[in-house]
């Protein structure tokens, strides 16, 4: 649990600390420790709940070489505007292709009727 009226700080080694916002700011309290792991990708399997686990079901061992970059916000690798424009373009291409197929079928029917009459 985190005490009230504190700032939560995560150290590069995974230490979670509580720093008071008022009073003596050098009086930090260690709240917890993150277990930092780096399992091999080929040993990972996605579970039915969406979480990744090791194939053998055991927890991954801690890796002292892994570090936390605190204070950063992870961004998406997708440009939303670009993807939206691409989706609209693809939808229009799909509509055009389906219309072309409909026109080709209608022309085929018309040609078959003309050939049948002569």
PDB file of N, CA and C in Angstrom:
ATOM      1  N   UNK A   1       0.841  -1.185   0.000  1.00  0.00           N
ATOM      2  CA  UNK A   1       0.000   0.000   0.000  1.00  0.00           C
ATOM      3  C   UNK A   1       0.879   1.239   0.000  1.00  0.00           C
ATOM      4  N   UNK A   2       0.369   2.289  -0.587  1.00  0.00           N
ATOM      5  CA  UNK A   2       1.093   3.551  -0.664  1.00  0.00           C
ATOM      6  C   UNK A   2       0.447   4.523   0.315  1.00  0.00           C
ATOM      7  N   UNK A   3       1.242   5.150   1.175  1.00  0.00           N
ATOM      8  CA  UNK A   3       0.680   6.124   2.122  1.00  0.00           C
ATOM      9  C   UNK A   3       0.075   7.314   1.385  1.00  0.00           C
ATOM     10  N   UNK A   4      -0.897   8.006   2.020  1.00  0.00           N
ATOM     11  CA  UNK A   4      -1.501   9.178   1.369  1.00  0.00           C
ATOM     12  C   UNK A   4      -0.534  10.358   1.316  1.00  0.00           C
ATOM     13  N   UNK A   5      -0.771  11.245   0.347  1.00  0.00           N
ATOM     14  CA  UNK A   5      -0.022  12.496   0.183  1.00  0.00           C
ATOM     15  C   UNK A   5       1.477  12.264  -0.019  1.00  0.00           C
ATOM     16  N   UNK A   6       1.799  11.300  -0.882  1.00  0.00           N
ATOM     17  CA  UNK A   6       3.198  11.043  -1.225  1.00  0.00           C
ATOM     18  C   UNK A   6       3.332  10.977  -2.736  1.00  0.00           C
ATOM     19  N   UNK A   7       4.539  11.137  -3.190  1.00  0.00           N
ATOM     20  CA  UNK A   7       4.873  10.981  -4.602  1.00  0.00           C
ATOM     21  C   UNK A   7       5.514   9.611  -4.766  1.00  0.00           C
ATOM     22  N   UNK A   8       5.027   8.833  -5.720  1.00  0.00           N
ATOM     23  CA  UNK A   8       5.576   7.495  -5.961  1.00  0.00           C
ATOM     24  C   UNK A   8       6.715   7.614  -6.968  1.00  0.00           C
ATOM     25  N   UNK A   9       7.858   7.058  -6.600  1.00  0.00           N
ATOM     26  CA  UNK A   9       9.052   7.098  -7.449  1.00  0.00           C
ATOM     27  C   UNK A   9       9.511   5.663  -7.672  1.00  0.00           C
ATOM     28  N   UNK A  10       9.793   5.334  -8.935  1.00  0.00           N
ATOM     29  CA  UNK A  10      10.293   4.001  -9.274  1.00  0.00           C
ATOM     30  C   UNK A  10      11.746   4.144  -9.681  1.00  0.00           C
ATOM     31  N   UNK A  11      12.628   3.448  -8.978  1.00  0.00           N
ATOM     32  CA  UNK A  11      14.055   3.496  -9.276  1.00  0.00           C
ATOM     33  C   UNK A  11      14.409   2.613 -10.459  1.00  0.00           C
ATOM     34  N   UNK A  12      15.583   2.798 -11.014  1.00  0.00           N
ATOM     35  CA  UNK A  12      15.996   2.019 -12.180  1.00  0.00           C
ATOM     36  C   UNK A  12      16.148   0.540 -11.858  1.00  0.00           C
ATOM     37  N   UNK A  13      16.334   0.200 -10.584  1.00  0.00           N
ATOM     38  CA  UNK A  13      16.438  -1.205 -10.188  1.00  0.00           C
ATOM     39  C   UNK A  13      15.081  -1.814  -9.854  1.00  0.00           C
ATOM     40  N   UNK A  14      13.984  -1.056  -9.996  1.00  0.00           N
ATOM     41  CA  UNK A  14      12.647  -1.551  -9.737  1.00  0.00           C
ATOM     42  C   UNK A  14      12.134  -1.254  -8.350  1.00  0.00           C
ATOM     43  N   UNK A  15      12.898  -0.511  -7.550  1.00  0.00           N
ATOM     44  CA  UNK A  15      12.461  -0.157  -6.204  1.00  0.00           C
ATOM     45  C   UNK A  15      11.365   0.895  -6.277  1.00  0.00           C
ATOM     46  N   UNK A  16      10.227   0.630  -5.632  1.00  0.00           N
ATOM     47  CA  UNK A  16       9.117   1.569  -5.589  1.00  0.00           C
ATOM     48  C   UNK A  16       9.177   2.275  -4.242  1.00  0.00           C
ATOM     49  N   UNK A  17       9.321   3.605  -4.287  1.00  0.00           N
ATOM     50  CA  UNK A  17       9.480   4.389  -3.060  1.00  0.00           C
ATOM     51  C   UNK A  17       8.395   5.448  -2.965  1.00  0.00           C
ATOM     52  N   UNK A  18       8.081   5.830  -1.720  1.00  0.00           N
ATOM     53  CA  UNK A  18       7.127   6.894  -1.451  1.00  0.00           C
ATOM     54  C   UNK A  18       7.895   8.074  -0.875  1.00  0.00           C
ATOM     55  N   UNK A  19       7.822   9.236  -1.550  1.00  0.00           N
ATOM     56  CA  UNK A  19       8.505  10.452  -1.103  1.00  0.00           C
ATOM     57  C   UNK A  19       7.428  11.427  -0.633  1.00  0.00           C
ATOM     58  N   UNK A  20       7.514  11.914   0.614  1.00  0.00           N
ATOM     59  CA  UNK A  20       6.504  12.853   1.114  1.00  0.00           C
ATOM     60  C   UNK A  20       6.476  14.137   0.292  1.00  0.00           C
ATOM     61  N   UNK A  21       5.277  14.653   0.024  1.00  0.00           N
ATOM     62  CA  UNK A  21       5.146  15.899  -0.738  1.00  0.00           C
ATOM     63  C   UNK A  21       5.366  17.109   0.149  1.00  0.00           C
ATOM     64  N   UNK A  22       5.180  16.945   1.431  1.00  0.00           N
ATOM     65  CA  UNK A  22       5.389  18.043   2.374  1.00  0.00           C
ATOM     66  C   UNK A  22       6.345  17.573   3.461  1.00  0.00           C
ATOM     67  N   UNK A  23       6.988  18.496   4.094  1.00  0.00           N
ATOM     68  CA  UNK A  23       7.895  18.147   5.180  1.00  0.00           C
ATOM     69  C   UNK A  23       9.254  17.704   4.655  1.00  0.00           C
ATOM     70  N   UNK A  24       9.873  16.761   5.350  1.00  0.00           N
ATOM     71  CA  UNK A  24      11.219  16.285   4.987  1.00  0.00           C
ATOM     72  C   UNK A  24      11.134  15.376   3.769  1.00  0.00           C
ATOM     73  N   UNK A  25      11.534  15.907   2.611  1.00  0.00           N
ATOM     74  CA  UNK A  25      11.467  15.128   1.370  1.00  0.00           C
ATOM     75  C   UNK A  25      12.556  14.056   1.298  1.00  0.00           C
ATOM     76  N   UNK A  26      13.522  14.113   2.191  1.00  0.00           N
ATOM     77  CA  UNK A  26      14.574  13.099   2.175  1.00  0.00           C
ATOM     78  C   UNK A  26      14.182  11.866   2.991  1.00  0.00           C
ATOM     79  N   UNK A  27      12.952  11.852   3.497  1.00  0.00           N
ATOM     80  CA  UNK A  27      12.452  10.746   4.293  1.00  0.00           C
ATOM     81  C   UNK A  27      11.642   9.807   3.393  1.00  0.00           C
ATOM     82  N   UNK A  28      12.324   9.067   2.521  1.00  0.00           N
ATOM     83  CA  UNK A  28      11.638   8.169   1.599  1.00  0.00           C
ATOM     84  C   UNK A  28      11.380   6.821   2.260  1.00  0.00           C
ATOM     85  N   UNK A  29      10.299   6.201   1.839  1.00  0.00           N
ATOM     86  CA  UNK A  29       9.918   4.889   2.343  1.00  0.00           C
ATOM     87  C   UNK A  29       9.835   3.932   1.167  1.00  0.00           C
ATOM     88  N   UNK A  30      10.515   2.797   1.273  1.00  0.00           N
ATOM     89  CA  UNK A  30      10.427   1.788   0.226  1.00  0.00           C
ATOM     90  C   UNK A  30       9.102   1.054   0.384  1.00  0.00           C
ATOM     91  N   UNK A  31       8.287   1.104  -0.681  1.00  0.00           N
ATOM     92  CA  UNK A  31       6.963   0.507  -0.650  1.00  0.00           C
ATOM     93  C   UNK A  31       6.975  -0.904  -1.218  1.00  0.00           C
ATOM     94  N   UNK A  32       7.814  -1.126  -2.231  1.00  0.00           N
ATOM     95  CA  UNK A  32       7.839  -2.436  -2.869  1.00  0.00           C
ATOM     96  C   UNK A  32       9.000  -2.555  -3.835  1.00  0.00           C
ATOM     97  N   UNK A  33       9.076  -3.696  -4.484  1.00  0.00           N
ATOM     98  CA  UNK A  33      10.153  -3.985  -5.435  1.00  0.00           C
ATOM     99  C   UNK A  33       9.547  -4.688  -6.644  1.00  0.00           C
ATOM    100  N   UNK A  34       9.786  -4.134  -7.837  1.00  0.00           N
ATOM    101  CA  UNK A  34       9.344  -4.780  -9.067  1.00  0.00           C
ATOM    102  C   UNK A  34      10.308  -5.906  -9.412  1.00  0.00           C
ATOM    103  N   UNK A  35       9.767  -7.017  -9.856  1.00  0.00           N
ATOM    104  CA  UNK A  35      10.616  -8.109 -10.329  1.00  0.00           C
ATOM    105  C   UNK A  35      10.863  -7.862 -11.813  1.00  0.00           C
ATOM    106  N   UNK A  36      12.099  -7.587 -12.172  1.00  0.00           N
ATOM    107  CA  UNK A  36      12.462  -7.276 -13.551  1.00  0.00           C
ATOM    108  C   UNK A  36      12.990  -8.547 -14.206  1.00  0.00           C
ATOM    109  N   UNK A  37      12.358  -8.936 -15.319  1.00  0.00           N
ATOM    110  CA  UNK A  37      12.718 -10.175 -16.005  1.00  0.00           C
ATOM    111  C   UNK A  37      12.967  -9.888 -17.482  1.00  0.00           C
ATOM    112  N   UNK A  38      13.660 -10.787 -18.124  1.00  0.00           N
ATOM    113  CA  UNK A  38      13.915 -10.700 -19.561  1.00  0.00           C
ATOM    114  C   UNK A  38      13.891 -12.109 -20.137  1.00  0.00           C
ATOM    115  N   UNK A  39      12.693 -12.722 -20.231  1.00  0.00           N
ATOM    116  CA  UNK A  39      12.623 -14.098 -20.716  1.00  0.00           C
ATOM    117  C   UNK A  39      12.860 -14.165 -22.221  1.00  0.00           C
ATOM    118  N   UNK A  40      13.384 -15.277 -22.713  1.00  0.00           N
ATOM    119  CA  UNK A  40      13.568 -15.443 -24.161  1.00  0.00           C
ATOM    120  C   UNK A  40      12.214 -15.480 -24.875  1.00  0.00           C
ATOM    121  N   UNK A  41      12.107 -14.783 -25.999  1.00  0.00           N
ATOM    122  CA  UNK A  41      10.833 -14.699 -26.722  1.00  0.00           C
ATOM    123  C   UNK A  41      10.323 -16.059 -27.165  1.00  0.00           C
ATOM    124  N   UNK A  42      11.216 -16.952 -27.566  1.00  0.00           N
ATOM    125  CA  UNK A  42      10.777 -18.251 -28.067  1.00  0.00           C
ATOM    126  C   UNK A  42      10.149 -19.112 -26.969  1.00  0.00           C
ATOM    127  N   UNK A  43      10.390 -18.784 -25.697  1.00  0.00           N
ATOM    128  CA  UNK A  43       9.815 -19.540 -24.583  1.00  0.00           C
ATOM    129  C   UNK A  43       8.487 -18.965 -24.106  1.00  0.00           C
ATOM    130  N   UNK A  44       8.031 -17.845 -24.684  1.00  0.00           N
ATOM    131  CA  UNK A  44       6.820 -17.178 -24.236  1.00  0.00           C
ATOM    132  C   UNK A  44       5.601 -17.700 -24.993  1.00  0.00           C
ATOM    133  N   UNK A  45       4.473 -17.842 -24.273  1.00  0.00           N
ATOM    134  CA  UNK A  45       3.202 -18.248 -24.863  1.00  0.00           C
ATOM    135  C   UNK A  45       2.122 -17.319 -24.339  1.00  0.00           C
ATOM    136  N   UNK A  46       1.179 -16.967 -25.214  1.00  0.00           N
ATOM    137  CA  UNK A  46       0.063 -16.104 -24.797  1.00  0.00           C
ATOM    138  C   UNK A  46      -1.024 -16.994 -24.208  1.00  0.00           C
ATOM    139  N   UNK A  47      -1.479 -16.634 -23.006  1.00  0.00           N
ATOM    140  CA  UNK A  47      -2.553 -17.366 -22.352  1.00  0.00           C
ATOM    141  C   UNK A  47      -3.907 -16.903 -22.842  1.00  0.00           C
ATOM    142  N   UNK A  48      -4.948 -17.606 -22.454  1.00  0.00           N
ATOM    143  CA  UNK A  48      -6.305 -17.260 -22.848  1.00  0.00           C
ATOM    144  C   UNK A  48      -6.745 -15.911 -22.309  1.00  0.00           C
ATOM    145  N   UNK A  49      -6.105 -15.436 -21.243  1.00  0.00           N
ATOM    146  CA  UNK A  49      -6.441 -14.142 -20.661  1.00  0.00           C
ATOM    147  C   UNK A  49      -5.666 -12.996 -21.295  1.00  0.00           C
ATOM    148  N   UNK A  50      -4.798 -13.293 -22.284  1.00  0.00           N
ATOM    149  CA  UNK A  50      -4.025 -12.254 -22.968  1.00  0.00           C
ATOM    150  C   UNK A  50      -2.657 -12.014 -22.376  1.00  0.00           C
ATOM    151  N   UNK A  51      -2.355 -12.588 -21.219  1.00  0.00           N
ATOM    152  CA  UNK A  51      -1.051 -12.417 -20.596  1.00  0.00           C
ATOM    153  C   UNK A  51      -0.055 -13.407 -21.202  1.00  0.00           C
ATOM    154  N   UNK A  52       1.212 -13.001 -21.226  1.00  0.00           N
ATOM    155  CA  UNK A  52       2.266 -13.879 -21.699  1.00  0.00           C
ATOM    156  C   UNK A  52       2.885 -14.607 -20.515  1.00  0.00           C
ATOM    157  N   UNK A  53       3.165 -15.879 -20.731  1.00  0.00           N
ATOM    158  CA  UNK A  53       3.792 -16.710 -19.704  1.00  0.00           C
ATOM    159  C   UNK A  53       4.842 -17.583 -20.358  1.00  0.00           C
ATOM    160  N   UNK A  54       5.745 -18.111 -19.533  1.00  0.00           N
ATOM    161  CA  UNK A  54       6.709 -19.072 -20.051  1.00  0.00           C
ATOM    162  C   UNK A  54       5.969 -20.348 -20.421  1.00  0.00           C
ATOM    163  N   UNK A  55       6.446 -21.036 -21.451  1.00  0.00           N
ATOM    164  CA  UNK A  55       5.782 -22.239 -21.947  1.00  0.00           C
ATOM    165  C   UNK A  55       5.695 -23.314 -20.875  1.00  0.00           C
ATOM    166  N   UNK A  56       6.692 -23.422 -19.993  1.00  0.00           N
ATOM    167  CA  UNK A  56       6.677 -24.465 -18.963  1.00  0.00           C
ATOM    168  C   UNK A  56       5.814 -24.087 -17.762  1.00  0.00           C
ATOM    169  N   UNK A  57       5.273 -22.861 -17.718  1.00  0.00           N
ATOM    170  CA  UNK A  57       4.386 -22.434 -16.643  1.00  0.00           C
ATOM    171  C   UNK A  57       5.089 -21.875 -15.427  1.00  0.00           C
ATOM    172  N   UNK A  58       6.396 -21.977 -15.360  1.00  0.00           N
ATOM    173  CA  UNK A  58       7.146 -21.451 -14.218  1.00  0.00           C
ATOM    174  C   UNK A  58       7.333 -19.947 -14.353  1.00  0.00           C
ATOM    175  N   UNK A  59       7.510 -19.241 -13.234  1.00  0.00           N
ATOM    176  CA  UNK A  59       7.791 -17.796 -13.330  1.00  0.00           C
ATOM    177  C   UNK A  59       9.182 -17.546 -13.904  1.00  0.00           C
ATOM    178  N   UNK A  60       9.321 -16.445 -14.617  1.00  0.00           N
ATOM    179  CA  UNK A  60      10.616 -16.093 -15.210  1.00  0.00           C
ATOM    180  C   UNK A  60      11.585 -15.667 -14.108  1.00  0.00           C
ATOM    181  N   UNK A  61      12.848 -16.026 -14.227  1.00  0.00           N
ATOM    182  CA  UNK A  61      13.825 -15.612 -13.212  1.00  0.00           C
ATOM    183  C   UNK A  61      14.151 -14.123 -13.342  1.00  0.00           C
ATOM    184  N   UNK A  62      14.492 -13.511 -12.218  1.00  0.00           N
ATOM    185  CA  UNK A  62      14.874 -12.100 -12.212  1.00  0.00           C
ATOM    186  C   UNK A  62      16.174 -11.911 -12.980  1.00  0.00           C
ATOM    187  N   UNK A  63      16.278 -10.788 -13.685  1.00  0.00           N
ATOM    188  CA  UNK A  63      17.474 -10.480 -14.463  1.00  0.00           C
ATOM    189  C   UNK A  63      18.055  -9.161 -13.955  1.00  0.00           C
ATOM    190  N   UNK A  64      19.243  -9.185 -13.340  1.00  0.00           N
ATOM    191  CA  UNK A  64      19.809  -7.950 -12.788  1.00  0.00           C
ATOM    192  C   UNK A  64      20.225  -6.935 -13.855  1.00  0.00           C
ATOM    193  N   UNK A  65      20.313  -7.350 -15.113  1.00  0.00           N
ATOM    194  CA  UNK A  65      20.718  -6.435 -16.178  1.00  0.00           C
ATOM    195  C   UNK A  65      19.561  -5.566 -16.667  1.00  0.00           C
ATOM    196  N   UNK A  66      18.318  -5.930 -16.331  1.00  0.00           N
ATOM    197  CA  UNK A  66      17.149  -5.168 -16.781  1.00  0.00           C
ATOM    198  C   UNK A  66      16.992  -3.927 -15.911  1.00  0.00           C
ATOM    199  N   UNK A  67      16.681  -2.790 -16.544  1.00  0.00           N
ATOM    200  CA  UNK A  67      16.514  -1.519 -15.832  1.00  0.00           C
ATOM    201  C   UNK A  67      15.162  -0.912 -16.186  1.00  0.00           C
ATOM    202  N   UNK A  68      14.631  -0.109 -15.275  1.00  0.00           N
ATOM    203  CA  UNK A  68      13.374   0.607 -15.477  1.00  0.00           C
ATOM    204  C   UNK A  68      13.704   2.050 -15.821  1.00  0.00           C
ATOM    205  N   UNK A  69      13.015   2.601 -16.814  1.00  0.00           N
ATOM    206  CA  UNK A  69      13.145   4.015 -17.161  1.00  0.00           C
ATOM    207  C   UNK A  69      11.924   4.725 -16.597  1.00  0.00           C
ATOM    208  N   UNK A  70      12.034   5.261 -15.392  1.00  0.00           N
ATOM    209  CA  UNK A  70      10.916   5.900 -14.710  1.00  0.00           C
ATOM    210  C   UNK A  70      10.668   7.295 -15.262  1.00  0.00           C
ATOM    211  N   UNK A  71       9.399   7.692 -15.261  1.00  0.00           N
ATOM    212  CA  UNK A  71       9.043   9.044 -15.679  1.00  0.00           C
ATOM    213  C   UNK A  71       8.809   9.194 -17.165  1.00  0.00           C
ATOM    214  N   UNK A  72       8.815   8.104 -17.908  1.00  0.00           N
ATOM    215  CA  UNK A  72       8.586   8.159 -19.349  1.00  0.00           C
ATOM    216  C   UNK A  72       7.213   7.605 -19.667  1.00  0.00           C
ATOM    217  N   UNK A  73       6.610   8.118 -20.706  1.00  0.00           N
ATOM    218  CA  UNK A  73       5.329   7.623 -21.173  1.00  0.00           C
ATOM    219  C   UNK A  73       5.577   6.888 -22.472  1.00  0.00           C
ATOM    220  N   UNK A  74       5.184   5.626 -22.500  1.00  0.00           N
ATOM    221  CA  UNK A  74       5.396   4.836 -23.707  1.00  0.00           C
ATOM    222  C   UNK A  74       4.403   5.278 -24.765  1.00  0.00           C
ATOM    223  N   UNK A  75       4.904   5.536 -25.940  1.00  0.00           N
ATOM    224  CA  UNK A  75       4.046   5.979 -27.020  1.00  0.00           C
ATOM    225  C   UNK A  75       3.702   4.846 -27.957  1.00  0.00           C
ATOM    226  N   UNK A  76       2.699   5.071 -28.757  1.00  0.00           N
ATOM    227  CA  UNK A  76       2.275   4.077 -29.721  1.00  0.00           C
ATOM    228  C   UNK A  76       3.185   4.141 -30.939  1.00  0.00           C
ATOM    229  N   UNK A  77       3.349   3.005 -31.608  1.00  0.00           N
ATOM    230  CA  UNK A  77       4.135   2.989 -32.834  1.00  0.00           C
ATOM    231  C   UNK A  77       3.236   3.141 -34.058  1.00  0.00           C
ATOM    232  N   UNK A  78       2.004   3.620 -33.826  1.00  0.00           N
ATOM    233  CA  UNK A  78       1.034   3.789 -34.901  1.00  0.00           C
ATOM    234  C   UNK A  78       0.678   5.267 -35.018  1.00  0.00           C
ATOM    235  N   UNK A  79       0.713   5.779 -36.239  1.00  0.00           N
ATOM    236  CA  UNK A  79       0.256   7.135 -36.508  1.00  0.00           C
ATOM    237  C   UNK A  79      -1.238   7.041 -36.803  1.00  0.00           C
ATOM    238  N   UNK A  80      -2.063   7.503 -35.878  1.00  0.00           N
ATOM    239  CA  UNK A  80      -3.512   7.319 -35.967  1.00  0.00           C
ATOM    240  C   UNK A  80      -4.084   7.987 -37.210  1.00  0.00           C
ATOM    241  N   UNK A  81      -3.661   9.200 -37.495  1.00  0.00           N
ATOM    242  CA  UNK A  81      -4.203   9.934 -38.647  1.00  0.00           C
ATOM    243  C   UNK A  81      -3.853   9.209 -39.941  1.00  0.00           C
ATOM    244  N   UNK A  82      -2.618   8.781 -40.065  1.00  0.00           N
ATOM    245  CA  UNK A  82      -2.186   8.075 -41.275  1.00  0.00           C
ATOM    246  C   UNK A  82      -2.967   6.775 -41.454  1.00  0.00           C
ATOM    247  N   UNK A  83      -3.178   6.041 -40.374  1.00  0.00           N
ATOM    248  CA  UNK A  83      -3.917   4.784 -40.465  1.00  0.00           C
ATOM    249  C   UNK A  83      -5.385   5.022 -40.814  1.00  0.00           C
ATOM    250  N   UNK A  84      -5.964   6.099 -40.310  1.00  0.00           N
ATOM    251  CA  UNK A  84      -7.350   6.411 -40.631  1.00  0.00           C
ATOM    252  C   UNK A  84      -7.496   6.748 -42.110  1.00  0.00           C
ATOM    253  N   UNK A  85      -6.561   7.542 -42.642  1.00  0.00           N
ATOM    254  CA  UNK A  85      -6.582   7.874 -44.066  1.00  0.00           C
ATOM    255  C   UNK A  85      -6.423   6.608 -44.899  1.00  0.00           C
ATOM    256  N   UNK A  86      -5.545   5.717 -44.484  1.00  0.00           N
ATOM    257  CA  UNK A  86      -5.340   4.455 -45.201  1.00  0.00           C
ATOM    258  C   UNK A  86      -6.610   3.612 -45.183  1.00  0.00           C
ATOM    259  N   UNK A  87      -7.285   3.549 -44.034  1.00  0.00           N
ATOM    260  CA  UNK A  87      -8.525   2.776 -43.939  1.00  0.00           C
ATOM    261  C   UNK A  87      -9.604   3.338 -44.858  1.00  0.00           C
ATOM    262  N   UNK A  88      -9.727   4.662 -44.897  1.00  0.00           N
ATOM    263  CA  UNK A  88     -10.723   5.285 -45.770  1.00  0.00           C
ATOM    264  C   UNK A  88     -10.399   4.994 -47.228  1.00  0.00           C
ATOM    265  N   UNK A  89      -9.129   5.102 -47.577  1.00  0.00           N
ATOM    266  CA  UNK A  89      -8.703   4.824 -48.948  1.00  0.00           C
ATOM    267  C   UNK A  89      -8.995   3.376 -49.326  1.00  0.00           C
ATOM    268  N   UNK A  90      -8.685   2.454 -48.439  1.00  0.00           N
ATOM    269  CA  UNK A  90      -8.951   1.035 -48.720  1.00  0.00           C
ATOM    270  C   UNK A  90     -10.445   0.768 -48.839  1.00  0.00           C
ATOM    271  N   UNK A  91     -11.260   1.417 -48.024  1.00  0.00           N
ATOM    272  CA  UNK A  91     -12.708   1.241 -48.107  1.00  0.00           C
ATOM    273  C   UNK A  91     -13.228   1.743 -49.455  1.00  0.00           C
ATOM    274  N   UNK A  92     -12.692   2.849 -49.921  1.00  0.00           N
ATOM    275  CA  UNK A  92     -13.116   3.380 -51.226  1.00  0.00           C
ATOM    276  C   UNK A  92     -12.680   2.463 -52.363  1.00  0.00           C
ATOM    277  N   UNK A  93     -11.484   1.924 -52.268  1.00  0.00           N
ATOM    278  CA  UNK A  93     -11.023   0.972 -53.289  1.00  0.00           C
ATOM    279  C   UNK A  93     -11.911  -0.265 -53.308  1.00  0.00           C
ATOM    280  N   UNK A  94     -12.297  -0.753 -52.123  1.00  0.00           N
ATOM    281  CA  UNK A  94     -13.178  -1.916 -52.028  1.00  0.00           C
ATOM    282  C   UNK A  94     -14.522  -1.617 -52.687  1.00  0.00           C
ATOM    283  N   UNK A  95     -15.101  -0.446 -52.378  1.00  0.00           N
ATOM    284  CA  UNK A  95     -16.380  -0.071 -52.978  1.00  0.00           C
ATOM    285  C   UNK A  95     -16.271   0.001 -54.492  1.00  0.00           C
ATOM    286  N   UNK A  96     -15.184   0.573 -54.998  1.00  0.00           N
ATOM    287  CA  UNK A  96     -14.976   0.672 -56.442  1.00  0.00           C
ATOM    288  C   UNK A  96     -14.895  -0.709 -57.072  1.00  0.00           C
ATOM    289  N   UNK A  97     -14.157  -1.604 -56.444  1.00  0.00           N
ATOM    290  CA  UNK A  97     -14.011  -2.958 -56.990  1.00  0.00           C
ATOM    291  C   UNK A  97     -15.351  -3.704 -56.997  1.00  0.00           C
ATOM    292  N   UNK A  98     -16.136  -3.564 -55.942  1.00  0.00           N
ATOM    293  CA  UNK A  98     -17.435  -4.245 -55.918  1.00  0.00           C
ATOM    294  C   UNK A  98     -18.373  -3.659 -56.969  1.00  0.00           C
ATOM    295  N   UNK A  99     -18.320  -2.341 -57.190  1.00  0.00           N
ATOM    296  CA  UNK A  99     -19.137  -1.746 -58.248  1.00  0.00           C
ATOM    297  C   UNK A  99     -18.704  -2.251 -59.619  1.00  0.00           C
ATOM    298  N   UNK A 100     -17.389  -2.358 -59.821  1.00  0.00           N
ATOM    299  CA  UNK A 100     -16.892  -2.886 -61.095  1.00  0.00           C
ATOM    300  C   UNK A 100     -17.362  -4.312 -61.324  1.00  0.00           C
ATOM    301  N   UNK A 101     -17.370  -5.126 -60.287  1.00  0.00           N
ATOM    302  CA  UNK A 101     -17.861  -6.499 -60.415  1.00  0.00           C
ATOM    303  C   UNK A 101     -19.347  -6.508 -60.766  1.00  0.00           C
ATOM    304  N   UNK A 102     -20.123  -5.640 -60.146  1.00  0.00           N
ATOM    305  CA  UNK A 102     -21.558  -5.565 -60.441  1.00  0.00           C
ATOM    306  C   UNK A 102     -21.789  -5.148 -61.892  1.00  0.00           C
ATOM    307  N   UNK A 103     -21.042  -4.156 -62.360  1.00  0.00           N
ATOM    308  CA  UNK A 103     -21.165  -3.692 -63.746  1.00  0.00           C
ATOM    309  C   UNK A 103     -20.762  -4.807 -64.707  1.00  0.00           C
ATOM    310  N   UNK A 104     -19.701  -5.541 -64.398  1.00  0.00           N
ATOM    311  CA  UNK A 104     -19.260  -6.642 -65.259  1.00  0.00           C
ATOM    312  C   UNK A 104     -20.317  -7.743 -65.316  1.00  0.00           C
ATOM    313  N   UNK A 105     -20.954  -8.053 -64.194  1.00  0.00           N
ATOM    314  CA  UNK A 105     -22.014  -9.062 -64.193  1.00  0.00           C
ATOM    315  C   UNK A 105     -23.205  -8.599 -65.020  1.00  0.00           C
ATOM    316  N   UNK A 106     -23.569  -7.328 -64.887  1.00  0.00           N
ATOM    317  CA  UNK A 106     -24.690  -6.787 -65.662  1.00  0.00           C
ATOM    318  C   UNK A 106     -24.374  -6.820 -67.156  1.00  0.00           C
ATOM    319  N   UNK A 107     -23.143  -6.468 -67.528  1.00  0.00           N
ATOM    320  CA  UNK A 107     -22.749  -6.510 -68.943  1.00  0.00           C
ATOM    321  C   UNK A 107     -22.773  -7.947 -69.459  1.00  0.00           C
ATOM    322  N   UNK A 108     -22.381  -8.896 -68.634  1.00  0.00           N
ATOM    323  CA  UNK A 108     -22.396 -10.298 -69.031  1.00  0.00           C
ATOM    324  C   UNK A 108     -23.832 -10.766 -69.273  1.00  0.00           C
ATOM    325  N   UNK A 109     -24.752 -10.382 -68.378  1.00  0.00           N
ATOM    326  CA  UNK A 109     -26.158 -10.730 -68.547  1.00  0.00           C
ATOM    327  C   UNK A 109     -26.716 -10.121 -69.837  1.00  0.00           C
ATOM    328  N   UNK A 110     -26.387  -8.842 -70.053  1.00  0.00           N
ATOM    329  CA  UNK A 110     -26.876  -8.161 -71.270  1.00  0.00           C
ATOM    330  C   UNK A 110     -26.336  -8.833 -72.526  1.00  0.00           C
ATOM    331  N   UNK A 111     -25.063  -9.171 -72.525  1.00  0.00           N
ATOM    332  CA  UNK A 111     -24.449  -9.836 -73.693  1.00  0.00           C
ATOM    333  C   UNK A 111     -25.104 -11.202 -73.919  1.00  0.00           C
ATOM    334  N   UNK A 112     -25.364 -11.932 -72.842  1.00  0.00           N
ATOM    335  CA  UNK A 112     -25.991 -13.249 -72.981  1.00  0.00           C
ATOM    336  C   UNK A 112     -27.388 -13.114 -73.547  1.00  0.00           C
ATOM    337  N   UNK A 113     -28.141 -12.076 -73.154  1.00  0.00           N
ATOM    338  CA  UNK A 113     -29.482 -11.863 -73.684  1.00  0.00           C
ATOM    339  C   UNK A 113     -29.430 -11.498 -75.161  1.00  0.00           C
ATOM    340  N   UNK A 114     -28.450 -10.666 -75.578  1.00  0.00           N
ATOM    341  CA  UNK A 114     -28.296 -10.283 -76.978  1.00  0.00           C
ATOM    342  C   UNK A 114     -27.946 -11.478 -77.845  1.00  0.00           C
ATOM    343  N   UNK A 115     -27.055 -12.336 -77.337  1.00  0.00           N
ATOM    344  CA  UNK A 115     -26.651 -13.519 -78.104  1.00  0.00           C
ATOM    345  C   UNK A 115     -27.821 -14.492 -78.207  1.00  0.00           C
ATOM    346  N   UNK A 116     -28.623 -14.612 -77.152  1.00  0.00           N
ATOM    347  CA  UNK A 116     -29.757 -15.527 -77.147  1.00  0.00           C
ATOM    348  C   UNK A 116     -30.841 -15.084 -78.144  1.00  0.00           C
ATOM    349  N   UNK A 117     -31.013 -13.769 -78.351  1.00  0.00           N
ATOM    350  CA  UNK A 117     -32.035 -13.252 -79.246  1.00  0.00           C
ATOM    351  C   UNK A 117     -31.666 -13.427 -80.704  1.00  0.00           C
ATOM    352  N   UNK A 118     -30.371 -13.456 -80.996  1.00  0.00           N
ATOM    353  CA  UNK A 118     -29.987 -13.538 -82.412  1.00  0.00           C
ATOM    354  C   UNK A 118     -29.788 -14.922 -82.902  1.00  0.00           C
TER     355      UNK A 118
END
